[in-house]
Protein backbone atom coordinates (compact mmCIF):
# COMPACT_ATOMS: atom_id res chain seq x y z
CA UNK A 1 9.90 -10.73 11.11
CA UNK A 2 6.01 -10.70 12.13
CA UNK A 3 4.09 -7.57 11.75
CA UNK A 4 0.40 -6.71 12.93
CA UNK A 5 -2.21 -5.35 10.68
CA UNK A 6 -5.43 -3.99 11.50
CA UNK A 7 -8.28 -5.15 9.45
CA UNK A 8 -11.90 -4.02 9.15
CA UNK A 9 -14.62 -7.03 9.23
CA UNK A 10 -18.01 -5.91 7.56
CA UNK A 11 -21.21 -8.33 7.67
CA UNK A 12 -22.83 -8.43 4.43
CA UNK A 13 -26.47 -9.68 5.01
CA UNK A 14 -27.02 -9.35 1.54
CA UNK A 15 -24.76 -12.54 0.53
CA UNK A 16 -24.04 -13.85 4.34
CA UNK A 17 -20.13 -13.23 4.54
CA UNK A 18 -17.76 -11.19 6.45
CA UNK A 19 -15.90 -8.94 3.76
CA UNK A 20 -12.34 -8.21 5.56
CA UNK A 21 -10.17 -5.09 4.09
CA UNK A 22 -6.61 -4.26 5.28
CA UNK A 23 -6.74 -0.15 5.48
CA UNK A 24 -2.76 -0.27 5.36
CA UNK A 25 -2.61 -2.37 2.40
CA UNK A 26 -4.99 -1.19 -0.49
CA UNK A 27 -6.58 -4.17 -2.59
CA UNK A 28 -5.89 -6.84 0.26
CA UNK A 29 -9.37 -8.20 0.58
CA UNK A 30 -10.92 -11.14 0.96
CA UNK A 31 -14.19 -12.63 2.85
CA UNK A 32 -15.58 -15.78 4.43
CA UNK A 33 -18.73 -17.51 5.80
CA UNK A 34 -18.12 -16.60 9.77
CA UNK A 35 -15.70 -14.38 11.42
CA UNK A 36 -13.20 -17.01 11.77
CA UNK A 37 -12.64 -18.37 8.30
CA UNK A 38 -12.81 -14.55 7.40
CA UNK A 39 -9.75 -13.84 9.77
CA UNK A 40 -8.03 -16.92 8.48
CA UNK A 41 -8.33 -15.65 4.95
CA UNK A 42 -7.15 -12.40 5.69
CA UNK A 43 -4.02 -13.62 7.07
CA UNK A 44 -3.36 -15.74 4.04
CA UNK A 45 -4.15 -12.80 1.80
CA UNK A 46 -1.92 -10.43 3.82
CA UNK A 47 0.90 -12.73 3.33
CA UNK A 48 0.38 -13.33 -0.47
CA UNK A 49 -0.34 -9.48 -0.72
CA UNK A 50 3.33 -8.71 0.79
CA UNK A 51 5.12 -11.59 -0.89
CA UNK A 52 3.82 -10.09 -4.58
CA UNK A 53 4.85 -6.61 -3.21
CA UNK A 54 8.37 -7.94 -2.73
CA UNK A 55 8.37 -9.83 -6.04
CA UNK A 56 7.26 -6.57 -7.72
CA UNK A 57 9.93 -4.52 -6.13
CA UNK A 58 7.47 -2.34 -4.39
CA UNK A 59 8.00 -1.08 -0.58
CA UNK A 60 5.87 -2.96 1.85
CA UNK A 61 3.98 0.01 3.81
CA UNK A 62 5.37 0.48 7.14
CA UNK A 63 2.63 2.77 8.73
CA UNK A 64 -0.39 1.37 9.89
CA UNK A 65 -3.75 3.04 10.42
CA UNK A 66 -5.41 4.36 13.57
CA UNK A 67 -9.31 4.25 14.28
CA UNK A 68 -11.53 6.59 15.95
CA UNK A 69 -15.21 6.47 16.79
CA UNK A 70 -17.50 9.42 16.61
CA UNK A 71 -20.87 10.27 17.36
CA UNK A 72 -23.44 11.81 15.30
CA UNK A 73 -27.03 12.55 15.59
CA UNK A 74 -29.30 11.28 13.15
CA UNK A 75 -32.94 12.92 12.38
């Protein structure tokens, strides 16, 4: 069965990598030197994370997250 997960990519200029997290899978994180590498690695991380959940008898989260954009004034 195929599942889709929303991921968050954040550029870390200090160490020059993209950090990637999966909000619906807490603890599932990785990084990559560029966007493509980061996305490839997070696919591997998600697969491993789900396999680990199954091995230890934990349910695979069924829900996903919703993103919204807000605007604020900054002085």
